[in-house]
C-alpha atoms as a PDB file:
ATOM      1  CA  MET A   1       0.026  -0.029   0.020  1.00  0.00           C
ATOM      2  CA  TRP A   2       2.671   2.574   0.972  1.00  0.00           C
ATOM      3  CA  SER A   3       4.572   2.141  -2.401  1.00  0.00           C
ATOM      4  CA  VAL A   4       1.372   3.217  -4.187  1.00  0.00           C
ATOM      5  CA  LEU A   5       0.472   5.926  -1.770  1.00  0.00           C
ATOM      6  CA  THR A   6       3.901   7.575  -1.824  1.00  0.00           C
ATOM      7  CA  ASP A   7       4.525   7.455  -5.573  1.00  0.00           C
ATOM      8  CA  PRO A   8       2.967  10.451  -7.492  1.00  0.00           C
ATOM      9  CA  THR A   9       3.292   8.527 -10.710  1.00  0.00           C
ATOM     10  CA  ARG A  10       0.616   6.181  -9.408  1.00  0.00           C
ATOM     11  CA  ILE A  11      -1.758   8.737  -7.822  1.00  0.00           C
ATOM     12  CA  ALA A  12      -4.384   8.265 -10.433  1.00  0.00           C
ATOM     13  CA  GLU A  13      -4.775   4.682  -9.241  1.00  0.00           C
ATOM     14  CA  TRP A  14      -6.348   5.817  -6.005  1.00  0.00           C
ATOM     15  CA  ARG A  15      -7.651   9.458  -6.426  1.00  0.00           C
ATOM     16  CA  SER A  16     -10.507   9.929  -8.835  1.00  0.00           C
ATOM     17  CA  GLU A  17      -9.753  13.653  -9.646  1.00  0.00           C
ATOM     18  CA  CYS A  18      -5.946  13.217 -10.050  1.00  0.00           C
ATOM     19  CA  ARG A  19      -4.881  12.330 -13.544  1.00  0.00           C
ATOM     20  CA  SER A  20      -1.056  12.071 -13.331  1.00  0.00           C
ATOM     21  CA  GLY A  21       1.988  13.122 -11.331  1.00  0.00           C
ATOM     22  CA  ASN A  22       5.756  12.960 -11.636  1.00  0.00           C
ATOM     23  CA  TRP A  23       8.811  13.565  -9.463  1.00  0.00           C
ATOM     24  CA  LEU A  24      10.779  16.796 -10.059  1.00  0.00           C
ATOM     25  CA  ASN A  25      14.555  17.585 -10.131  1.00  0.00           C
ATOM     26  CA  GLY A  26      15.629  13.958 -10.766  1.00  0.00           C
ATOM     27  CA  VAL A  27      13.987  12.503  -7.717  1.00  0.00           C
ATOM     28  CA  THR A  28      12.824   8.900  -8.178  1.00  0.00           C
ATOM     29  CA  GLU A  29      11.405   8.088  -4.692  1.00  0.00           C
ATOM     30  CA  PRO A  30       9.832   9.798  -1.735  1.00  0.00           C
ATOM     31  CA  ALA A  31      12.016  11.610   0.787  1.00  0.00           C
ATOM     32  CA  VAL A  32      11.452  14.558   3.051  1.00  0.00           C
ATOM     33  CA  GLY A  33      11.958  17.737   0.903  1.00  0.00           C
ATOM     34  CA  ALA A  34      11.419  15.895  -2.462  1.00  0.00           C
ATOM     35  CA  ARG A  35       9.145  17.706  -4.838  1.00  0.00           C
ATOM     36  CA  PHE A  36       6.610  16.434  -7.420  1.00  0.00           C
ATOM     37  CA  ILE A  37       3.911  17.912  -9.589  1.00  0.00           C
ATOM     38  CA  GLY A  38       0.355  16.575  -9.583  1.00  0.00           C
ATOM     39  CA  ARG A  39      -2.220  17.149 -12.261  1.00  0.00           C
ATOM     40  CA  SER A  40      -5.888  17.029 -11.647  1.00  0.00           C
ATOM     41  CA  ARG A  41      -9.132  17.238 -13.506  1.00  0.00           C
ATOM     42  CA  VAL A  42     -12.886  17.620 -12.428  1.00  0.00           C
ATOM     43  CA  ARG A  43     -15.210  17.764 -15.395  1.00  0.00           C
ATOM     44  CA  TRP A  44     -13.606  20.491 -17.689  1.00  0.00           C
ATOM     45  CA  VAL A  45     -11.560  22.218 -15.056  1.00  0.00           C
ATOM     46  CA  ARG A  46      -7.944  21.160 -15.046  1.00  0.00           C
ATOM     47  CA  TRP A  47      -5.104  22.183 -12.721  1.00  0.00           C
ATOM     48  CA  SER A  48      -1.582  21.261 -11.591  1.00  0.00           C
ATOM     49  CA  ARG A  49       0.266  21.957  -8.419  1.00  0.00           C
ATOM     50  CA  PRO A  50       3.911  21.373  -7.407  1.00  0.00           C
ATOM     51  CA  CYS A  51       4.092  19.543  -4.158  1.00  0.00           C
ATOM     52  CA  ARG A  52       6.599  18.983  -1.452  1.00  0.00           C
ATOM     53  CA  VAL A  53       7.073  15.939   0.854  1.00  0.00           C
ATOM     54  CA  LEU A  54       6.864  17.140   4.511  1.00  0.00           C
ATOM     55  CA  GLU A  55       7.181  13.890   6.458  1.00  0.00           C
ATOM     56  CA  LEU A  56       7.920  10.295   5.619  1.00  0.00           C
ATOM     57  CA  ASP A  57       7.881   7.442   8.116  1.00  0.00           C
ATOM     58  CA  ALA A  58       7.833   4.430   5.920  1.00  0.00           C
ATOM     59  CA  GLN A  59       4.781   2.155   6.583  1.00  0.00           C
ATOM     60  CA  HIS A  60       3.472   4.689   9.212  1.00  0.00           C
ATOM     61  CA  ARG A  61       3.057   8.231   8.097  1.00  0.00           C
ATOM     62  CA  TYR A  62       3.268  10.239   4.931  1.00  0.00           C
ATOM     63  CA  ARG A  63       2.562  14.011   4.542  1.00  0.00           C
ATOM     64  CA  TYR A  64       2.892  16.448   1.755  1.00  0.00           C
ATOM     65  CA  GLU A  65       1.716  19.978   0.802  1.00  0.00           C
ATOM     66  CA  THR A  66       0.928  21.776  -2.439  1.00  0.00           C
ATOM     67  CA  ILE A  67       2.891  24.844  -3.249  1.00  0.00           C
ATOM     68  CA  SER A  68       0.979  27.726  -4.561  1.00  0.00           C
ATOM     69  CA  PRO A  69       1.011  31.489  -4.056  1.00  0.00           C
ATOM     70  CA  THR A  70      -2.736  31.566  -3.831  1.00  0.00           C
ATOM     71  CA  ASP A  71      -3.722  28.457  -1.751  1.00  0.00           C
ATOM     72  CA  TYR A  72      -2.390  25.320  -0.280  1.00  0.00           C
ATOM     73  CA  THR A  73      -3.513  21.937   0.737  1.00  0.00           C
ATOM     74  CA  ARG A  74      -1.680  19.571   3.151  1.00  0.00           C
ATOM     75  CA  TRP A  75      -2.362  15.890   2.879  1.00  0.00           C
ATOM     76  CA  ALA A  76      -1.489  13.381   5.644  1.00  0.00           C
ATOM     77  CA  PHE A  77      -1.863   9.549   5.669  1.00  0.00           C
ATOM     78  CA  SER A  78      -1.169   7.342   8.645  1.00  0.00           C
ATOM     79  CA  SER A  79      -1.377   3.587   9.308  1.00  0.00           C
ATOM     80  CA  ASN A  80      -2.575   4.459  12.848  1.00  0.00           C
ATOM     81  CA  ARG A  81      -6.374   4.380  12.808  1.00  0.00           C
ATOM     82  CA  LYS A  82      -6.472   7.013  15.517  1.00  0.00           C
ATOM     83  CA  ASP A  83      -4.673   9.484  13.162  1.00  0.00           C
ATOM     84  CA  PRO A  84      -6.496   9.538   9.821  1.00  0.00           C
ATOM     85  CA  ARG A  85      -6.171  13.394   9.283  1.00  0.00           C
ATOM     86  CA  PRO A  86      -6.175  14.899   5.965  1.00  0.00           C
ATOM     87  CA  GLU A  87      -5.290  18.544   6.460  1.00  0.00           C
ATOM     88  CA  SER A  88      -6.419  21.384   4.381  1.00  0.00           C
ATOM     89  CA  GLY A  89      -5.410  24.997   4.250  1.00  0.00           C
ATOM     90  CA  ASN A  90      -8.256  25.840   1.943  1.00  0.00           C
ATOM     91  CA  PRO A  91     -11.606  25.005   3.672  1.00  0.00           C
ATOM     92  CA  SER A  92     -13.538  25.516   0.488  1.00  0.00           C
ATOM     93  CA  ARG A  93     -11.961  22.555  -1.304  1.00  0.00           C
END
């Protein structure tokens, strides 16, 4: 599960609005500080956002944020059922 969850090239396999993603700057695997770009689409609206990995504790916790001058979103995934917290900096999304 973690190999799919932490690989932006596979994000379309588990997120319906996400269409594709790829690592930036020669990165090939997740690490704190690594950047990737994610591309999404809902109906006719398309967008992309660069993202940065904030936390990675293999098999336990993965957290990243989008990087944008106008808004941001933080995503967190945890294997601990007591900590399933997606975080959002834009409450309207």
